[in-house]
């Protein structure tokens, strides 16, 4: 593999040296490049000098921005708002705690709340973390639900995804059209100055102005589209954030009475009367065993001491 790479490097170096030192090769490369590029560039230059083409391209750029905003609203914002509103309507139908059987109804209420959130793809990670904490504490976590939502990774829909990158893309397209128009304008300017004919110079100036109009109109259209997409994205993200906060507050309002009735838990449960008696019996049995072991050790120690006294006498 290294031999192949070294061979390619040597071949490239030899060709570069040959091109640099051979006018014939330079002329042949120039003619070949012109023959290949000219059929592609000439139609583009002619199109740039057509005012209708300039207006069409500018309108297409503006329409692309409008279509991007409409697609984002229909495919991301509207479904998200519908999910949040469905969750809020569903929370109103969930059971509230009863003084008599609050602990018995608690699992059912949490199951229905989890099914509501998961069914609408809302706060999935936050609910999973909340449920894990609830199982550990055997109660409603003594932490607001907003804490779990704040640590939830946001999806591409809420971050904007491609929509967030579109302003940069529109700006890049505007810069590309600007430089294309600038190159074409300089070409016609040079052509007009080289020409000794007044009519040809006049035609070159008109073509230069057409190229300049292409440069400015397309760039302005791209910048307008970028600004429009950016403002539309920020506006919709603010709406989603507001609706999300309302939903989180409603969920916390639903969890608060359950927290008061069921408790926040501490990770342990108080034992029942039978379990407490068993633990006390086990503790007393262990203390009796410990007393017997200490008694045996005491007898052995006394025997050792008597043997030591006899030996010293």
C-alpha atoms as a PDB file:
ATOM      1  CA  UNK A   1       0.000   0.000   0.000  1.00  0.00           C
ATOM      2  CA  UNK A   2       2.823   2.407   0.821  1.00  0.00           C
ATOM      3  CA  UNK A   3       4.558   1.561  -2.464  1.00  0.00           C
ATOM      4  CA  UNK A   4       1.369   2.391  -4.366  1.00  0.00           C
ATOM      5  CA  UNK A   5       1.004   5.712  -2.546  1.00  0.00           C
ATOM      6  CA  UNK A   6       4.630   6.629  -3.139  1.00  0.00           C
ATOM      7  CA  UNK A   7       4.178   5.765  -6.808  1.00  0.00           C
ATOM      8  CA  UNK A   8       1.167   8.063  -7.094  1.00  0.00           C
ATOM      9  CA  UNK A   9       3.103  10.876  -5.406  1.00  0.00           C
ATOM     10  CA  UNK A  10       6.033  10.473  -7.789  1.00  0.00           C
ATOM     11  CA  UNK A  11       3.685  10.349 -10.772  1.00  0.00           C
ATOM     12  CA  UNK A  12       1.896  13.512  -9.635  1.00  0.00           C
ATOM     13  CA  UNK A  13       5.225  15.265  -9.083  1.00  0.00           C
ATOM     14  CA  UNK A  14       6.447  14.268 -12.554  1.00  0.00           C
ATOM     15  CA  UNK A  15       3.228  15.481 -14.207  1.00  0.00           C
ATOM     16  CA  UNK A  16       3.355  18.734 -12.275  1.00  0.00           C
ATOM     17  CA  UNK A  17       6.939  19.339 -13.333  1.00  0.00           C
ATOM     18  CA  UNK A  18       6.051  18.525 -16.934  1.00  0.00           C
ATOM     19  CA  UNK A  19       3.112  20.921 -16.955  1.00  0.00           C
ATOM     20  CA  UNK A  20       5.185  23.681 -15.332  1.00  0.00           C
ATOM     21  CA  UNK A  21       8.024  23.391 -17.846  1.00  0.00           C
ATOM     22  CA  UNK A  22       6.093  22.610 -21.034  1.00  0.00           C
ATOM     23  CA  UNK A  23       4.154  25.450 -22.765  1.00  0.00           C
ATOM     24  CA  UNK A  24       2.643  22.887 -25.135  1.00  0.00           C
ATOM     25  CA  UNK A  25       1.087  20.986 -22.225  1.00  0.00           C
ATOM     26  CA  UNK A  26      -0.153  24.220 -20.679  1.00  0.00           C
ATOM     27  CA  UNK A  27      -1.803  25.257 -23.923  1.00  0.00           C
ATOM     28  CA  UNK A  28      -3.341  21.807 -24.394  1.00  0.00           C
ATOM     29  CA  UNK A  29      -4.724  21.805 -20.839  1.00  0.00           C
ATOM     30  CA  UNK A  30      -6.138  25.308 -21.313  1.00  0.00           C
ATOM     31  CA  UNK A  31      -7.824  24.391 -24.584  1.00  0.00           C
ATOM     32  CA  UNK A  32      -9.223  21.185 -23.088  1.00  0.00           C
ATOM     33  CA  UNK A  33     -10.568  22.974 -20.027  1.00  0.00           C
ATOM     34  CA  UNK A  34     -12.152  25.632 -22.213  1.00  0.00           C
ATOM     35  CA  UNK A  35     -13.780  22.990 -24.390  1.00  0.00           C
ATOM     36  CA  UNK A  36     -15.251  21.301 -21.321  1.00  0.00           C
ATOM     37  CA  UNK A  37     -16.281  24.337 -19.257  1.00  0.00           C
ATOM     38  CA  UNK A  38     -17.468  26.632 -22.028  1.00  0.00           C
ATOM     39  CA  UNK A  39     -20.602  24.604 -22.909  1.00  0.00           C
ATOM     40  CA  UNK A  40     -21.612  24.809 -19.240  1.00  0.00           C
ATOM     41  CA  UNK A  41     -20.738  28.433 -18.547  1.00  0.00           C
ATOM     42  CA  UNK A  42     -22.011  30.094 -21.708  1.00  0.00           C
ATOM     43  CA  UNK A  43     -25.673  29.072 -21.201  1.00  0.00           C
ATOM     44  CA  UNK A  44     -25.470  30.251 -17.591  1.00  0.00           C
ATOM     45  CA  UNK A  45     -24.037  33.615 -18.655  1.00  0.00           C
ATOM     46  CA  UNK A  46     -26.802  34.011 -21.201  1.00  0.00           C
ATOM     47  CA  UNK A  47     -29.431  33.187 -18.599  1.00  0.00           C
ATOM     48  CA  UNK A  48     -28.004  35.720 -16.156  1.00  0.00           C
ATOM     49  CA  UNK A  49     -28.452  38.403 -18.813  1.00  0.00           C
ATOM     50  CA  UNK A  50     -32.158  37.600 -19.132  1.00  0.00           C
ATOM     51  CA  UNK A  51     -34.133  39.779 -16.655  1.00  0.00           C
ATOM     52  CA  UNK A  52     -36.951  37.230 -16.480  1.00  0.00           C
ATOM     53  CA  UNK A  53     -34.496  34.584 -15.269  1.00  0.00           C
ATOM     54  CA  UNK A  54     -33.207  36.932 -12.559  1.00  0.00           C
ATOM     55  CA  UNK A  55     -36.726  37.616 -11.292  1.00  0.00           C
ATOM     56  CA  UNK A  56     -37.633  33.925 -11.470  1.00  0.00           C
ATOM     57  CA  UNK A  57     -34.632  32.864  -9.405  1.00  0.00           C
ATOM     58  CA  UNK A  58     -35.348  35.541  -6.795  1.00  0.00           C
ATOM     59  CA  UNK A  59     -38.999  34.484  -6.524  1.00  0.00           C
ATOM     60  CA  UNK A  60     -37.982  30.824  -6.232  1.00  0.00           C
ATOM     61  CA  UNK A  61     -35.671  31.662  -3.327  1.00  0.00           C
ATOM     62  CA  UNK A  62     -38.473  33.535  -1.547  1.00  0.00           C
ATOM     63  CA  UNK A  63     -40.928  30.706  -2.209  1.00  0.00           C
ATOM     64  CA  UNK A  64     -38.402  28.215  -0.833  1.00  0.00           C
ATOM     65  CA  UNK A  65     -38.317  30.149   2.438  1.00  0.00           C
ATOM     66  CA  UNK A  66     -42.123  30.246   2.609  1.00  0.00           C
ATOM     67  CA  UNK A  67     -42.395  26.526   1.828  1.00  0.00           C
ATOM     68  CA  UNK A  68     -39.829  25.719   4.519  1.00  0.00           C
ATOM     69  CA  UNK A  69     -41.842  27.702   7.095  1.00  0.00           C
ATOM     70  CA  UNK A  70     -45.108  26.046   6.074  1.00  0.00           C
ATOM     71  CA  UNK A  71     -43.557  22.564   6.152  1.00  0.00           C
ATOM     72  CA  UNK A  72     -42.073  23.174   9.596  1.00  0.00           C
ATOM     73  CA  UNK A  73     -45.432  24.353  10.918  1.00  0.00           C
ATOM     74  CA  UNK A  74     -47.346  21.398   9.471  1.00  0.00           C
ATOM     75  CA  UNK A  75     -44.820  18.639  10.239  1.00  0.00           C
ATOM     76  CA  UNK A  76     -43.266  19.771  13.525  1.00  0.00           C
ATOM     77  CA  UNK A  77     -45.032  22.617  15.316  1.00  0.00           C
ATOM     78  CA  UNK A  78     -48.665  21.695  14.804  1.00  0.00           C
ATOM     79  CA  UNK A  79     -48.260  17.999  15.800  1.00  0.00           C
ATOM     80  CA  UNK A  80     -46.276  19.022  18.884  1.00  0.00           C
ATOM     81  CA  UNK A  81     -48.901  21.529  19.983  1.00  0.00           C
ATOM     82  CA  UNK A  82     -51.603  18.930  19.365  1.00  0.00           C
ATOM     83  CA  UNK A  83     -49.752  16.422  21.555  1.00  0.00           C
ATOM     84  CA  UNK A  84     -49.377  18.918  24.410  1.00  0.00           C
ATOM     85  CA  UNK A  85     -53.044  19.923  24.251  1.00  0.00           C
ATOM     86  CA  UNK A  86     -54.085  16.244  24.214  1.00  0.00           C
ATOM     87  CA  UNK A  87     -51.989  15.635  27.328  1.00  0.00           C
ATOM     88  CA  UNK A  88     -53.602  18.575  29.126  1.00  0.00           C
ATOM     89  CA  UNK A  89     -57.077  17.366  28.231  1.00  0.00           C
ATOM     90  CA  UNK A  90     -56.189  13.835  29.348  1.00  0.00           C
ATOM     91  CA  UNK A  91     -54.843  14.986  32.725  1.00  0.00           C
ATOM     92  CA  UNK A  92     -58.233  16.524  33.514  1.00  0.00           C
ATOM     93  CA  UNK A  93     -59.769  13.020  33.264  1.00  0.00           C
ATOM     94  CA  UNK A  94     -57.234  11.289  35.530  1.00  0.00           C
ATOM     95  CA  UNK A  95     -58.382  10.143  38.999  1.00  0.00           C
ATOM     96  CA  UNK A  96     -57.604  12.317  41.995  1.00  0.00           C
ATOM     97  CA  UNK A  97     -56.646  10.895  45.422  1.00  0.00           C
ATOM     98  CA  UNK A  98     -59.288   9.787  47.876  1.00  0.00           C
ATOM     99  CA  UNK A  99     -58.722   9.914  51.605  1.00  0.00           C
ATOM    100  CA  UNK A 100     -59.856   6.320  52.071  1.00  0.00           C
ATOM    101  CA  UNK A 101     -58.062   4.495  49.283  1.00  0.00           C
ATOM    102  CA  UNK A 102     -55.373   6.936  48.080  1.00  0.00           C
ATOM    103  CA  UNK A 103     -52.564   4.354  48.251  1.00  0.00           C
ATOM    104  CA  UNK A 104     -54.682   1.751  46.483  1.00  0.00           C
ATOM    105  CA  UNK A 105     -55.555   4.103  43.607  1.00  0.00           C
ATOM    106  CA  UNK A 106     -52.040   5.529  43.297  1.00  0.00           C
ATOM    107  CA  UNK A 107     -50.641   2.791  40.950  1.00  0.00           C
ATOM    108  CA  UNK A 108     -53.649   3.077  38.632  1.00  0.00           C
ATOM    109  CA  UNK A 109     -53.341   6.874  38.441  1.00  0.00           C
ATOM    110  CA  UNK A 110     -49.631   6.673  37.646  1.00  0.00           C
ATOM    111  CA  UNK A 111     -50.242   3.983  35.030  1.00  0.00           C
ATOM    112  CA  UNK A 112     -52.826   6.135  33.281  1.00  0.00           C
ATOM    113  CA  UNK A 113     -50.588   9.203  33.422  1.00  0.00           C
ATOM    114  CA  UNK A 114     -47.679   7.240  31.967  1.00  0.00           C
ATOM    115  CA  UNK A 115     -49.863   5.811  29.194  1.00  0.00           C
ATOM    116  CA  UNK A 116     -51.065   9.336  28.379  1.00  0.00           C
ATOM    117  CA  UNK A 117     -47.537  10.741  28.148  1.00  0.00           C
ATOM    118  CA  UNK A 118     -46.081   7.809  26.231  1.00  0.00           C
ATOM    119  CA  UNK A 119     -49.050   7.647  23.876  1.00  0.00           C
ATOM    120  CA  UNK A 120     -48.475  11.283  22.895  1.00  0.00           C
ATOM    121  CA  UNK A 121     -44.641  10.976  22.850  1.00  0.00           C
ATOM    122  CA  UNK A 122     -44.377  13.702  25.472  1.00  0.00           C
ATOM    123  CA  UNK A 123     -41.789  13.835  28.276  1.00  0.00           C
ATOM    124  CA  UNK A 124     -40.801  10.198  27.671  1.00  0.00           C
ATOM    125  CA  UNK A 125     -37.356  10.420  29.285  1.00  0.00           C
ATOM    126  CA  UNK A 126     -38.659  12.631  32.102  1.00  0.00           C
ATOM    127  CA  UNK A 127     -41.454  10.171  32.885  1.00  0.00           C
ATOM    128  CA  UNK A 128     -39.037   7.229  32.875  1.00  0.00           C
ATOM    129  CA  UNK A 129     -36.765   8.994  35.365  1.00  0.00           C
ATOM    130  CA  UNK A 130     -39.758  10.074  37.463  1.00  0.00           C
ATOM    131  CA  UNK A 131     -41.092   6.508  37.564  1.00  0.00           C
ATOM    132  CA  UNK A 132     -37.702   5.112  38.566  1.00  0.00           C
ATOM    133  CA  UNK A 133     -37.461   7.625  41.410  1.00  0.00           C
ATOM    134  CA  UNK A 134     -41.036   6.819  42.429  1.00  0.00           C
ATOM    135  CA  UNK A 135     -40.287   3.090  42.644  1.00  0.00           C
ATOM    136  CA  UNK A 136     -37.181   3.730  44.724  1.00  0.00           C
ATOM    137  CA  UNK A 137     -38.971   5.981  47.200  1.00  0.00           C
ATOM    138  CA  UNK A 138     -42.260   4.035  47.126  1.00  0.00           C
ATOM    139  CA  UNK A 139     -44.162   7.275  46.767  1.00  0.00           C
ATOM    140  CA  UNK A 140     -44.345  10.477  44.773  1.00  0.00           C
ATOM    141  CA  UNK A 141     -40.842  11.968  44.472  1.00  0.00           C
ATOM    142  CA  UNK A 142     -40.479  15.104  46.538  1.00  0.00           C
ATOM    143  CA  UNK A 143     -39.125  16.892  43.456  1.00  0.00           C
ATOM    144  CA  UNK A 144     -41.236  18.917  41.000  1.00  0.00           C
ATOM    145  CA  UNK A 145     -41.905  17.232  37.682  1.00  0.00           C
ATOM    146  CA  UNK A 146     -40.283  20.231  35.974  1.00  0.00           C
ATOM    147  CA  UNK A 147     -36.952  19.048  37.398  1.00  0.00           C
ATOM    148  CA  UNK A 148     -37.195  15.837  35.375  1.00  0.00           C
ATOM    149  CA  UNK A 149     -38.357  17.711  32.267  1.00  0.00           C
ATOM    150  CA  UNK A 150     -35.425  20.146  32.517  1.00  0.00           C
ATOM    151  CA  UNK A 151     -32.933  17.262  32.367  1.00  0.00           C
ATOM    152  CA  UNK A 152     -34.706  15.635  29.430  1.00  0.00           C
ATOM    153  CA  UNK A 153     -32.799  15.785  26.123  1.00  0.00           C
ATOM    154  CA  UNK A 154     -34.857  17.749  23.643  1.00  0.00           C
ATOM    155  CA  UNK A 155     -35.652  16.236  20.283  1.00  0.00           C
ATOM    156  CA  UNK A 156     -34.898  17.558  16.834  1.00  0.00           C
ATOM    157  CA  UNK A 157     -38.456  18.833  16.525  1.00  0.00           C
ATOM    158  CA  UNK A 158     -38.112  21.250  19.416  1.00  0.00           C
ATOM    159  CA  UNK A 159     -34.580  22.268  18.478  1.00  0.00           C
ATOM    160  CA  UNK A 160     -35.624  22.957  14.898  1.00  0.00           C
ATOM    161  CA  UNK A 161     -33.454  20.332  13.195  1.00  0.00           C
ATOM    162  CA  UNK A 162     -32.960  21.283   9.556  1.00  0.00           C
ATOM    163  CA  UNK A 163     -35.055  24.412  10.066  1.00  0.00           C
ATOM    164  CA  UNK A 164     -32.412  25.807  12.388  1.00  0.00           C
ATOM    165  CA  UNK A 165     -29.722  25.353   9.730  1.00  0.00           C
ATOM    166  CA  UNK A 166     -31.746  26.785   6.821  1.00  0.00           C
ATOM    167  CA  UNK A 167     -30.853  30.479   7.462  1.00  0.00           C
ATOM    168  CA  UNK A 168     -27.203  29.593   7.044  1.00  0.00           C
ATOM    169  CA  UNK A 169     -27.957  27.680   3.853  1.00  0.00           C
ATOM    170  CA  UNK A 170     -29.936  30.590   2.381  1.00  0.00           C
ATOM    171  CA  UNK A 171     -27.117  32.980   3.253  1.00  0.00           C
ATOM    172  CA  UNK A 172     -24.588  30.668   1.577  1.00  0.00           C
ATOM    173  CA  UNK A 173     -26.742  30.473  -1.564  1.00  0.00           C
ATOM    174  CA  UNK A 174     -26.947  34.269  -1.622  1.00  0.00           C
ATOM    175  CA  UNK A 175     -23.173  34.559  -1.358  1.00  0.00           C
ATOM    176  CA  UNK A 176     -22.694  32.045  -4.167  1.00  0.00           C
ATOM    177  CA  UNK A 177     -25.045  33.982  -6.458  1.00  0.00           C
ATOM    178  CA  UNK A 178     -23.287  37.211  -5.473  1.00  0.00           C
ATOM    179  CA  UNK A 179     -19.886  35.915  -6.546  1.00  0.00           C
ATOM    180  CA  UNK A 180     -21.315  34.364  -9.713  1.00  0.00           C
ATOM    181  CA  UNK A 181     -22.885  37.679 -10.663  1.00  0.00           C
ATOM    182  CA  UNK A 182     -19.673  39.497  -9.779  1.00  0.00           C
ATOM    183  CA  UNK A 183     -17.578  37.247 -12.018  1.00  0.00           C
ATOM    184  CA  UNK A 184     -20.012  37.620 -14.907  1.00  0.00           C
ATOM    185  CA  UNK A 185     -20.156  41.411 -14.427  1.00  0.00           C
ATOM    186  CA  UNK A 186     -16.351  41.666 -14.468  1.00  0.00           C
ATOM    187  CA  UNK A 187     -16.250  39.533 -17.600  1.00  0.00           C
ATOM    188  CA  UNK A 188     -18.633  41.861 -19.472  1.00  0.00           C
ATOM    189  CA  UNK A 189     -16.856  44.946 -18.110  1.00  0.00           C
ATOM    190  CA  UNK A 190     -13.521  43.706 -19.438  1.00  0.00           C
ATOM    191  CA  UNK A 191     -15.166  42.758 -22.732  1.00  0.00           C
ATOM    192  CA  UNK A 192     -16.608  46.253 -23.105  1.00  0.00           C
ATOM    193  CA  UNK A 193     -13.316  47.991 -22.349  1.00  0.00           C
ATOM    194  CA  UNK A 194     -11.406  45.791 -24.803  1.00  0.00           C
ATOM    195  CA  UNK A 195     -13.846  46.461 -27.581  1.00  0.00           C
ATOM    196  CA  UNK A 196     -13.228  49.442 -29.832  1.00  0.00           C
ATOM    197  CA  UNK A 197     -16.768  49.412 -31.130  1.00  0.00           C
ATOM    198  CA  UNK A 198     -19.223  51.719 -29.387  1.00  0.00           C
ATOM    199  CA  UNK A 199     -22.170  49.419 -30.006  1.00  0.00           C
ATOM    200  CA  UNK A 200     -20.342  46.429 -28.569  1.00  0.00           C
ATOM    201  CA  UNK A 201     -19.246  48.503 -25.569  1.00  0.00           C
ATOM    202  CA  UNK A 202     -22.846  49.653 -25.049  1.00  0.00           C
ATOM    203  CA  UNK A 203     -24.095  46.053 -25.227  1.00  0.00           C
ATOM    204  CA  UNK A 204     -21.411  44.967 -22.753  1.00  0.00           C
ATOM    205  CA  UNK A 205     -22.495  47.684 -20.292  1.00  0.00           C
ATOM    206  CA  UNK A 206     -26.113  46.497 -20.540  1.00  0.00           C
ATOM    207  CA  UNK A 207     -24.995  42.934 -19.923  1.00  0.00           C
ATOM    208  CA  UNK A 208     -22.908  44.134 -16.961  1.00  0.00           C
ATOM    209  CA  UNK A 209     -25.972  45.815 -15.449  1.00  0.00           C
ATOM    210  CA  UNK A 210     -28.025  42.661 -15.956  1.00  0.00           C
ATOM    211  CA  UNK A 211     -25.361  40.617 -14.175  1.00  0.00           C
ATOM    212  CA  UNK A 212     -25.285  43.173 -11.347  1.00  0.00           C
ATOM    213  CA  UNK A 213     -29.068  42.988 -10.992  1.00  0.00           C
ATOM    214  CA  UNK A 214     -28.825  39.189 -10.792  1.00  0.00           C
ATOM    215  CA  UNK A 215     -26.185  39.511  -8.087  1.00  0.00           C
ATOM    216  CA  UNK A 216     -28.139  41.949  -5.929  1.00  0.00           C
ATOM    217  CA  UNK A 217     -31.668  40.610  -6.391  1.00  0.00           C
ATOM    218  CA  UNK A 218     -30.794  36.983  -5.645  1.00  0.00           C
ATOM    219  CA  UNK A 219     -28.672  37.980  -2.647  1.00  0.00           C
ATOM    220  CA  UNK A 220     -31.449  40.164  -1.235  1.00  0.00           C
ATOM    221  CA  UNK A 221     -33.990  37.371  -1.763  1.00  0.00           C
ATOM    222  CA  UNK A 222     -31.723  34.856  -0.003  1.00  0.00           C
ATOM    223  CA  UNK A 223     -31.149  37.195   2.953  1.00  0.00           C
ATOM    224  CA  UNK A 224     -34.893  37.876   3.243  1.00  0.00           C
ATOM    225  CA  UNK A 225     -35.601  34.126   3.239  1.00  0.00           C
ATOM    226  CA  UNK A 226     -32.929  33.520   5.870  1.00  0.00           C
ATOM    227  CA  UNK A 227     -34.337  36.253   8.117  1.00  0.00           C
ATOM    228  CA  UNK A 228     -37.901  35.017   7.615  1.00  0.00           C
ATOM    229  CA  UNK A 229     -37.000  31.409   8.479  1.00  0.00           C
ATOM    230  CA  UNK A 230     -35.013  32.479  11.543  1.00  0.00           C
ATOM    231  CA  UNK A 231     -37.819  34.667  12.920  1.00  0.00           C
ATOM    232  CA  UNK A 232     -40.461  32.035  12.182  1.00  0.00           C
ATOM    233  CA  UNK A 233     -38.397  29.376  13.947  1.00  0.00           C
ATOM    234  CA  UNK A 234     -37.869  31.509  17.056  1.00  0.00           C
ATOM    235  CA  UNK A 235     -41.548  32.438  17.182  1.00  0.00           C
ATOM    236  CA  UNK A 236     -42.683  28.811  16.987  1.00  0.00           C
ATOM    237  CA  UNK A 237     -40.107  27.622  19.504  1.00  0.00           C
ATOM    238  CA  UNK A 238     -41.390  30.236  21.942  1.00  0.00           C
ATOM    239  CA  UNK A 239     -44.949  28.923  21.416  1.00  0.00           C
ATOM    240  CA  UNK A 240     -43.814  25.330  22.017  1.00  0.00           C
ATOM    241  CA  UNK A 241     -41.921  26.375  25.136  1.00  0.00           C
ATOM    242  CA  UNK A 242     -44.965  28.199  26.516  1.00  0.00           C
ATOM    243  CA  UNK A 243     -47.265  25.238  25.845  1.00  0.00           C
ATOM    244  CA  UNK A 244     -44.704  22.894  27.395  1.00  0.00           C
ATOM    245  CA  UNK A 245     -44.551  24.974  30.572  1.00  0.00           C
ATOM    246  CA  UNK A 246     -48.347  24.975  30.814  1.00  0.00           C
ATOM    247  CA  UNK A 247     -48.414  21.197  30.448  1.00  0.00           C
ATOM    248  CA  UNK A 248     -45.682  20.693  33.058  1.00  0.00           C
ATOM    249  CA  UNK A 249     -47.518  22.959  35.512  1.00  0.00           C
ATOM    250  CA  UNK A 250     -50.734  20.983  34.986  1.00  0.00           C
ATOM    251  CA  UNK A 251     -48.906  17.681  35.577  1.00  0.00           C
ATOM    252  CA  UNK A 252     -47.407  19.067  38.783  1.00  0.00           C
ATOM    253  CA  UNK A 253     -50.858  20.268  39.857  1.00  0.00           C
ATOM    254  CA  UNK A 254     -52.097  16.714  39.370  1.00  0.00           C
ATOM    255  CA  UNK A 255     -49.161  15.178  41.298  1.00  0.00           C
ATOM    256  CA  UNK A 256     -49.291  17.547  44.284  1.00  0.00           C
ATOM    257  CA  UNK A 257     -52.405  16.081  45.983  1.00  0.00           C
ATOM    258  CA  UNK A 258     -51.061  12.580  45.396  1.00  0.00           C
ATOM    259  CA  UNK A 259     -47.806  13.611  47.044  1.00  0.00           C
ATOM    260  CA  UNK A 260     -49.723  14.858  50.072  1.00  0.00           C
ATOM    261  CA  UNK A 261     -51.804  11.684  50.406  1.00  0.00           C
ATOM    262  CA  UNK A 262     -49.288   8.994  49.431  1.00  0.00           C
ATOM    263  CA  UNK A 263     -46.156  10.778  50.660  1.00  0.00           C
ATOM    264  CA  UNK A 264     -42.803  11.259  49.059  1.00  0.00           C
ATOM    265  CA  UNK A 265     -41.310   8.105  50.628  1.00  0.00           C
ATOM    266  CA  UNK A 266     -37.781   7.589  51.817  1.00  0.00           C
ATOM    267  CA  UNK A 267     -36.822   4.400  50.042  1.00  0.00           C
ATOM    268  CA  UNK A 268     -38.008   2.301  53.053  1.00  0.00           C
ATOM    269  CA  UNK A 269     -41.382   1.225  54.442  1.00  0.00           C
ATOM    270  CA  UNK A 270     -42.372   0.849  58.093  1.00  0.00           C
ATOM    271  CA  UNK A 271     -42.782  -2.860  58.904  1.00  0.00           C
ATOM    272  CA  UNK A 272     -46.140  -4.244  59.875  1.00  0.00           C
ATOM    273  CA  UNK A 273     -46.902  -5.673  63.345  1.00  0.00           C
ATOM    274  CA  UNK A 274     -46.008  -9.245  62.396  1.00  0.00           C
ATOM    275  CA  UNK A 275     -42.809  -8.195  60.615  1.00  0.00           C
ATOM    276  CA  UNK A 276     -41.812  -6.055  63.604  1.00  0.00           C
ATOM    277  CA  UNK A 277     -42.327  -8.984  66.000  1.00  0.00           C
ATOM    278  CA  UNK A 278     -40.233 -11.245  63.770  1.00  0.00           C
ATOM    279  CA  UNK A 279     -37.415  -8.697  63.653  1.00  0.00           C
ATOM    280  CA  UNK A 280     -37.495  -8.285  67.448  1.00  0.00           C
ATOM    281  CA  UNK A 281     -37.405 -12.071  67.921  1.00  0.00           C
ATOM    282  CA  UNK A 282     -34.456 -12.323  65.550  1.00  0.00           C
ATOM    283  CA  UNK A 283     -32.688  -9.534  67.412  1.00  0.00           C
ATOM    284  CA  UNK A 284     -33.243 -11.215  70.803  1.00  0.00           C
ATOM    285  CA  UNK A 285     -32.082 -14.548  69.405  1.00  0.00           C
ATOM    286  CA  UNK A 286     -28.938 -12.946  68.066  1.00  0.00           C
ATOM    287  CA  UNK A 287     -28.242 -11.296  71.433  1.00  0.00           C
ATOM    288  CA  UNK A 288     -28.673 -14.641  73.214  1.00  0.00           C
ATOM    289  CA  UNK A 289     -26.268 -16.310  70.821  1.00  0.00           C
ATOM    290  CA  UNK A 290     -23.796 -13.512  71.394  1.00  0.00           C
ATOM    291  CA  UNK A 291     -24.131 -13.922  75.172  1.00  0.00           C
ATOM    292  CA  UNK A 292     -23.429 -17.674  74.928  1.00  0.00           C
ATOM    293  CA  UNK A 293     -20.358 -17.039  72.793  1.00  0.00           C
ATOM    294  CA  UNK A 294     -19.066 -14.460  75.271  1.00  0.00           C
ATOM    295  CA  UNK A 295     -19.701 -16.856  78.161  1.00  0.00           C
ATOM    296  CA  UNK A 296     -17.641 -19.588  76.463  1.00  0.00           C
ATOM    297  CA  UNK A 297     -14.848 -17.154  75.768  1.00  0.00           C
ATOM    298  CA  UNK A 298     -14.907 -16.058  79.413  1.00  0.00           C
ATOM    299  CA  UNK A 299     -14.582 -19.690  80.648  1.00  0.00           C
ATOM    300  CA  UNK A 300     -11.667 -20.296  78.292  1.00  0.00           C
ATOM    301  CA  UNK A 301      -9.957 -17.122  79.457  1.00  0.00           C
ATOM    302  CA  UNK A 302     -10.370 -18.121  83.130  1.00  0.00           C
ATOM    303  CA  UNK A 303      -8.935 -21.559  82.380  1.00  0.00           C
ATOM    304  CA  UNK A 304      -5.939 -20.012  80.659  1.00  0.00           C
ATOM    305  CA  UNK A 305      -5.341 -17.662  83.562  1.00  0.00           C
ATOM    306  CA  UNK A 306      -5.477 -20.531  86.120  1.00  0.00           C
ATOM    307  CA  UNK A 307      -3.041 -22.545  84.016  1.00  0.00           C
ATOM    308  CA  UNK A 308      -0.698 -19.543  83.808  1.00  0.00           C
ATOM    309  CA  UNK A 309      -0.824 -19.063  87.623  1.00  0.00           C
ATOM    310  CA  UNK A 310      -0.028 -22.743  88.227  1.00  0.00           C
ATOM    311  CA  UNK A 311       2.901 -22.587  85.842  1.00  0.00           C
ATOM    312  CA  UNK A 312       4.327 -19.472  87.484  1.00  0.00           C
ATOM    313  CA  UNK A 313       4.263 -21.060  90.942  1.00  0.00           C
END
